[in-house]
Amino acid sequence: MQHRQLYIFRRKRYKSRLAKENSEVTVSLDYKKGLDRYFGLPELGEKHGIFKKSGNRLELPNGSKVYTKVMLKEPDKYIVPYLEQLEEAAQKEFSYGGEG
C-alpha cells in the first residue's frame, strides 16, 4: 500500500514591500501533483462573503450547497466561476493599497 505524500505548509510573511506584513498563507503540496492552486480559496471566499457557511457546507452565490472537499476535487465546476471575485478578495487580504 502506497501512502500519499501530502503536506500542508503555513507560511507567514514578516516584512515585505509588496505584501502586507504578518500576512499568513497556507499551501498544499502533493509530491505527485505539485502545489494545489485552489487550496485555501473556499476559506478565503467564506471570509470575504463570496461563499456562506451553511452547516458544514458552503453555499455558493447560485444557491447550491457543497462540501469544501468536493469543491477542491472539482474546481472547474465550483471555484473557477468565482475566480475574479476571489482574486479581488486575495488583493484585499494580502496586498497593500490598489492593484499590484
N, C-alpha and C. Protein backbone atom coordinates (compact mmCIF):
# COMPACT_ATOMS: atom_id res chain seq x y z
N MET A 1 0.84 -1.18 0.00
CA MET A 1 0.00 0.00 0.00
C MET A 1 0.88 1.24 0.00
N GLN A 2 0.67 2.12 -0.97
CA GLN A 2 1.45 3.35 -1.04
C GLN A 2 0.74 4.44 -0.26
N HIS A 3 1.53 5.22 0.46
CA HIS A 3 0.99 6.35 1.18
C HIS A 3 1.07 7.58 0.30
N ARG A 4 0.04 8.36 0.35
CA ARG A 4 0.02 9.61 -0.40
C ARG A 4 0.81 10.64 0.39
N GLN A 5 1.75 11.28 -0.27
CA GLN A 5 2.58 12.26 0.40
C GLN A 5 2.00 13.65 0.16
N LEU A 6 1.17 14.08 1.08
CA LEU A 6 0.53 15.37 1.01
C LEU A 6 0.95 16.17 2.23
N TYR A 7 1.45 17.35 1.99
CA TYR A 7 1.91 18.22 3.07
C TYR A 7 1.20 19.56 2.98
N ILE A 8 0.86 20.10 4.12
CA ILE A 8 0.24 21.41 4.19
C ILE A 8 1.20 22.32 4.95
N PHE A 9 1.60 23.41 4.30
CA PHE A 9 2.54 24.35 4.88
C PHE A 9 1.82 25.66 5.19
N ARG A 10 2.13 26.24 6.31
CA ARG A 10 1.62 27.56 6.66
C ARG A 10 2.82 28.50 6.71
N ARG A 11 2.77 29.55 5.92
CA ARG A 11 3.88 30.49 5.83
C ARG A 11 3.42 31.87 6.24
N LYS A 12 4.26 32.58 6.96
CA LYS A 12 3.95 33.93 7.40
C LYS A 12 4.99 34.88 6.84
N ARG A 13 4.53 35.97 6.26
CA ARG A 13 5.42 36.99 5.71
C ARG A 13 5.60 38.05 6.79
N TYR A 14 6.83 38.23 7.24
CA TYR A 14 7.09 39.17 8.31
C TYR A 14 7.35 40.59 7.80
N LYS A 15 8.10 40.69 6.72
CA LYS A 15 8.44 42.01 6.20
C LYS A 15 8.48 41.95 4.68
N SER A 16 7.80 42.92 4.04
CA SER A 16 7.76 42.93 2.58
C SER A 16 7.35 44.31 2.10
N ARG A 17 7.85 44.66 0.93
CA ARG A 17 7.40 45.91 0.30
C ARG A 17 6.17 45.68 -0.55
N LEU A 18 5.89 44.44 -0.90
CA LEU A 18 4.80 44.13 -1.82
C LEU A 18 3.54 43.60 -1.16
N ALA A 19 3.68 42.92 -0.04
CA ALA A 19 2.52 42.32 0.62
C ALA A 19 2.42 42.83 2.05
N LYS A 20 1.25 42.69 2.62
CA LYS A 20 1.03 43.13 3.99
C LYS A 20 1.93 42.33 4.93
N GLU A 21 2.50 43.03 5.89
CA GLU A 21 3.35 42.35 6.88
C GLU A 21 2.49 41.47 7.77
N ASN A 22 3.08 40.40 8.23
CA ASN A 22 2.44 39.42 9.11
C ASN A 22 1.24 38.74 8.46
N SER A 23 1.16 38.77 7.13
CA SER A 23 0.10 38.02 6.45
C SER A 23 0.53 36.56 6.38
N GLU A 24 -0.46 35.67 6.50
CA GLU A 24 -0.18 34.25 6.54
C GLU A 24 -0.93 33.55 5.43
N VAL A 25 -0.26 32.61 4.77
CA VAL A 25 -0.88 31.85 3.69
C VAL A 25 -0.60 30.37 3.92
N THR A 26 -1.58 29.54 3.58
CA THR A 26 -1.45 28.10 3.73
C THR A 26 -1.47 27.48 2.34
N VAL A 27 -0.51 26.61 2.07
CA VAL A 27 -0.44 25.95 0.77
C VAL A 27 -0.40 24.44 0.95
N SER A 28 -0.87 23.72 -0.05
CA SER A 28 -0.89 22.26 -0.02
C SER A 28 0.06 21.75 -1.10
N LEU A 29 0.92 20.84 -0.73
CA LEU A 29 1.88 20.26 -1.66
C LEU A 29 1.71 18.75 -1.69
N ASP A 30 1.41 18.24 -2.86
CA ASP A 30 1.32 16.81 -3.09
C ASP A 30 2.52 16.45 -3.96
N TYR A 31 3.33 15.51 -3.50
CA TYR A 31 4.56 15.22 -4.23
C TYR A 31 4.34 14.56 -5.58
N LYS A 32 3.13 14.12 -5.87
CA LYS A 32 2.86 13.57 -7.19
C LYS A 32 2.26 14.62 -8.13
N LYS A 33 1.47 15.56 -7.58
CA LYS A 33 0.78 16.55 -8.40
C LYS A 33 1.37 17.95 -8.31
N GLY A 34 2.13 18.24 -7.26
CA GLY A 34 2.68 19.58 -7.07
C GLY A 34 1.78 20.42 -6.17
N LEU A 35 1.91 21.74 -6.29
CA LEU A 35 1.11 22.65 -5.48
C LEU A 35 -0.34 22.64 -5.94
N ASP A 36 -1.24 22.67 -4.99
CA ASP A 36 -2.67 22.75 -5.29
C ASP A 36 -3.04 24.21 -5.40
N ARG A 37 -3.34 24.67 -6.61
CA ARG A 37 -3.58 26.10 -6.84
C ARG A 37 -4.90 26.58 -6.25
N TYR A 38 -5.81 25.69 -5.91
CA TYR A 38 -7.11 26.09 -5.38
C TYR A 38 -7.23 25.93 -3.87
N PHE A 39 -6.22 25.35 -3.24
CA PHE A 39 -6.26 25.12 -1.80
C PHE A 39 -6.37 26.46 -1.06
N GLY A 40 -7.29 26.56 -0.15
CA GLY A 40 -7.47 27.77 0.64
C GLY A 40 -8.45 28.76 0.06
N LEU A 41 -8.82 28.61 -1.20
CA LEU A 41 -9.74 29.56 -1.82
C LEU A 41 -11.16 29.48 -1.25
N PRO A 42 -11.68 28.27 -0.92
CA PRO A 42 -13.01 28.26 -0.29
C PRO A 42 -13.05 29.04 1.03
N GLU A 43 -12.01 28.91 1.84
CA GLU A 43 -11.95 29.63 3.10
C GLU A 43 -11.80 31.13 2.88
N LEU A 44 -11.01 31.53 1.89
CA LEU A 44 -10.86 32.94 1.57
C LEU A 44 -12.19 33.52 1.08
N GLY A 45 -12.90 32.76 0.25
CA GLY A 45 -14.20 33.19 -0.23
C GLY A 45 -15.22 33.32 0.89
N GLU A 46 -15.15 32.42 1.85
CA GLU A 46 -16.05 32.50 3.00
C GLU A 46 -15.73 33.73 3.85
N LYS A 47 -14.47 33.98 4.06
CA LYS A 47 -14.04 35.12 4.87
C LYS A 47 -14.48 36.45 4.26
N HIS A 48 -14.50 36.54 2.94
CA HIS A 48 -14.83 37.79 2.26
C HIS A 48 -16.27 37.81 1.73
N GLY A 49 -17.11 36.87 2.15
CA GLY A 49 -18.53 36.91 1.82
C GLY A 49 -18.92 36.40 0.45
N ILE A 50 -18.01 35.78 -0.27
CA ILE A 50 -18.35 35.21 -1.58
C ILE A 50 -19.15 33.92 -1.38
N PHE A 51 -18.70 33.09 -0.45
CA PHE A 51 -19.40 31.87 -0.06
C PHE A 51 -19.92 32.07 1.36
N LYS A 52 -21.04 31.40 1.67
CA LYS A 52 -21.60 31.50 3.02
C LYS A 52 -21.58 30.13 3.66
N LYS A 53 -21.23 30.09 4.93
CA LYS A 53 -21.20 28.83 5.67
C LYS A 53 -22.63 28.40 5.95
N SER A 54 -22.94 27.16 5.64
CA SER A 54 -24.26 26.60 5.88
C SER A 54 -24.07 25.22 6.50
N GLY A 55 -24.03 25.17 7.81
CA GLY A 55 -23.72 23.92 8.50
C GLY A 55 -22.26 23.58 8.26
N ASN A 56 -21.99 22.40 7.72
CA ASN A 56 -20.61 22.03 7.40
C ASN A 56 -20.34 22.11 5.90
N ARG A 57 -21.22 22.80 5.18
CA ARG A 57 -21.04 23.02 3.74
C ARG A 57 -20.95 24.51 3.46
N LEU A 58 -20.56 24.85 2.24
CA LEU A 58 -20.53 26.24 1.81
C LEU A 58 -21.64 26.46 0.80
N GLU A 59 -22.33 27.59 0.93
CA GLU A 59 -23.37 27.95 -0.01
C GLU A 59 -22.77 28.88 -1.06
N LEU A 60 -22.90 28.50 -2.31
CA LEU A 60 -22.37 29.28 -3.42
C LEU A 60 -23.34 30.41 -3.76
N PRO A 61 -22.88 31.45 -4.47
CA PRO A 61 -23.76 32.55 -4.85
C PRO A 61 -24.99 32.10 -5.67
N ASN A 62 -24.90 30.98 -6.36
CA ASN A 62 -26.04 30.49 -7.15
C ASN A 62 -27.05 29.72 -6.29
N GLY A 63 -26.78 29.59 -4.99
CA GLY A 63 -27.71 28.95 -4.07
C GLY A 63 -27.42 27.49 -3.77
N SER A 64 -26.55 26.84 -4.53
CA SER A 64 -26.24 25.44 -4.25
C SER A 64 -25.30 25.33 -3.06
N LYS A 65 -25.38 24.20 -2.36
CA LYS A 65 -24.54 23.96 -1.19
C LYS A 65 -23.62 22.78 -1.48
N VAL A 66 -22.37 22.92 -1.10
CA VAL A 66 -21.38 21.90 -1.43
C VAL A 66 -20.32 21.83 -0.33
N TYR A 67 -19.77 20.64 -0.13
CA TYR A 67 -18.69 20.45 0.84
C TYR A 67 -17.39 21.01 0.27
N THR A 68 -16.54 21.52 1.14
CA THR A 68 -15.25 22.08 0.73
C THR A 68 -14.41 21.03 0.00
N LYS A 69 -14.43 19.81 0.50
CA LYS A 69 -13.65 18.73 -0.12
C LYS A 69 -14.09 18.49 -1.57
N VAL A 70 -15.38 18.58 -1.82
CA VAL A 70 -15.90 18.39 -3.18
C VAL A 70 -15.49 19.57 -4.06
N MET A 71 -15.51 20.78 -3.48
CA MET A 71 -15.08 21.96 -4.25
C MET A 71 -13.65 21.80 -4.73
N LEU A 72 -12.79 21.28 -3.86
CA LEU A 72 -11.38 21.13 -4.22
C LEU A 72 -11.15 19.98 -5.20
N LYS A 73 -12.03 18.98 -5.19
CA LYS A 73 -11.91 17.88 -6.15
C LYS A 73 -12.40 18.27 -7.53
N GLU A 74 -13.38 19.20 -7.60
CA GLU A 74 -13.95 19.65 -8.87
C GLU A 74 -13.89 21.18 -8.97
N PRO A 75 -12.68 21.75 -9.01
CA PRO A 75 -12.56 23.21 -9.00
C PRO A 75 -13.15 23.89 -10.24
N ASP A 76 -13.12 23.22 -11.39
CA ASP A 76 -13.68 23.83 -12.61
C ASP A 76 -15.17 24.11 -12.47
N LYS A 77 -15.84 23.29 -11.71
CA LYS A 77 -17.29 23.42 -11.53
C LYS A 77 -17.64 24.39 -10.40
N TYR A 78 -16.86 24.39 -9.31
CA TYR A 78 -17.26 25.12 -8.11
C TYR A 78 -16.41 26.35 -7.78
N ILE A 79 -15.17 26.41 -8.22
CA ILE A 79 -14.29 27.51 -7.85
C ILE A 79 -14.02 28.45 -9.02
N VAL A 80 -13.73 27.90 -10.19
CA VAL A 80 -13.34 28.71 -11.35
C VAL A 80 -14.38 29.78 -11.71
N PRO A 81 -15.69 29.52 -11.62
CA PRO A 81 -16.64 30.58 -11.95
C PRO A 81 -16.54 31.82 -11.06
N TYR A 82 -15.90 31.69 -9.90
CA TYR A 82 -15.80 32.80 -8.95
C TYR A 82 -14.38 33.32 -8.79
N LEU A 83 -13.48 32.97 -9.72
CA LEU A 83 -12.08 33.35 -9.60
C LEU A 83 -11.87 34.87 -9.60
N GLU A 84 -12.65 35.61 -10.36
CA GLU A 84 -12.48 37.06 -10.39
C GLU A 84 -12.79 37.66 -9.01
N GLN A 85 -13.86 37.21 -8.38
CA GLN A 85 -14.19 37.68 -7.04
C GLN A 85 -13.14 37.23 -6.02
N LEU A 86 -12.64 36.01 -6.17
CA LEU A 86 -11.61 35.51 -5.27
C LEU A 86 -10.30 36.27 -5.43
N GLU A 87 -9.99 36.68 -6.67
CA GLU A 87 -8.79 37.48 -6.92
C GLU A 87 -8.89 38.83 -6.20
N GLU A 88 -10.05 39.47 -6.27
CA GLU A 88 -10.25 40.73 -5.56
C GLU A 88 -10.11 40.54 -4.05
N ALA A 89 -10.65 39.44 -3.54
CA ALA A 89 -10.54 39.14 -2.11
C ALA A 89 -9.08 38.92 -1.71
N ALA A 90 -8.31 38.23 -2.56
CA ALA A 90 -6.89 38.00 -2.28
C ALA A 90 -6.11 39.31 -2.30
N GLN A 91 -6.45 40.22 -3.21
CA GLN A 91 -5.80 41.53 -3.25
C GLN A 91 -6.05 42.28 -1.94
N LYS A 92 -7.29 42.26 -1.46
CA LYS A 92 -7.62 42.92 -0.20
C LYS A 92 -6.90 42.27 0.98
N GLU A 93 -6.80 40.97 0.95
CA GLU A 93 -6.23 40.20 2.06
C GLU A 93 -4.71 40.34 2.15
N PHE A 94 -4.02 40.34 1.01
CA PHE A 94 -2.57 40.20 1.03
C PHE A 94 -1.79 41.38 0.49
N SER A 95 -2.39 42.27 -0.29
CA SER A 95 -1.64 43.37 -0.93
C SER A 95 -1.91 44.70 -0.27
N TYR A 96 -0.96 45.60 -0.42
CA TYR A 96 -1.14 46.97 0.02
C TYR A 96 -1.94 47.74 -1.01
N GLY A 97 -2.78 48.63 -0.58
CA GLY A 97 -3.45 49.59 -1.46
C GLY A 97 -4.18 48.98 -2.63
N GLY A 98 -3.92 49.51 -3.82
CA GLY A 98 -4.62 49.09 -5.04
C GLY A 98 -4.07 47.80 -5.59
N GLU A 99 -4.07 47.73 -6.91
CA GLU A 99 -3.60 46.50 -7.56
C GLU A 99 -2.08 46.52 -7.64
N GLY A 100 -1.52 45.32 -7.55
CA GLY A 100 -0.07 45.29 -7.68
C GLY A 100 0.45 44.12 -7.11
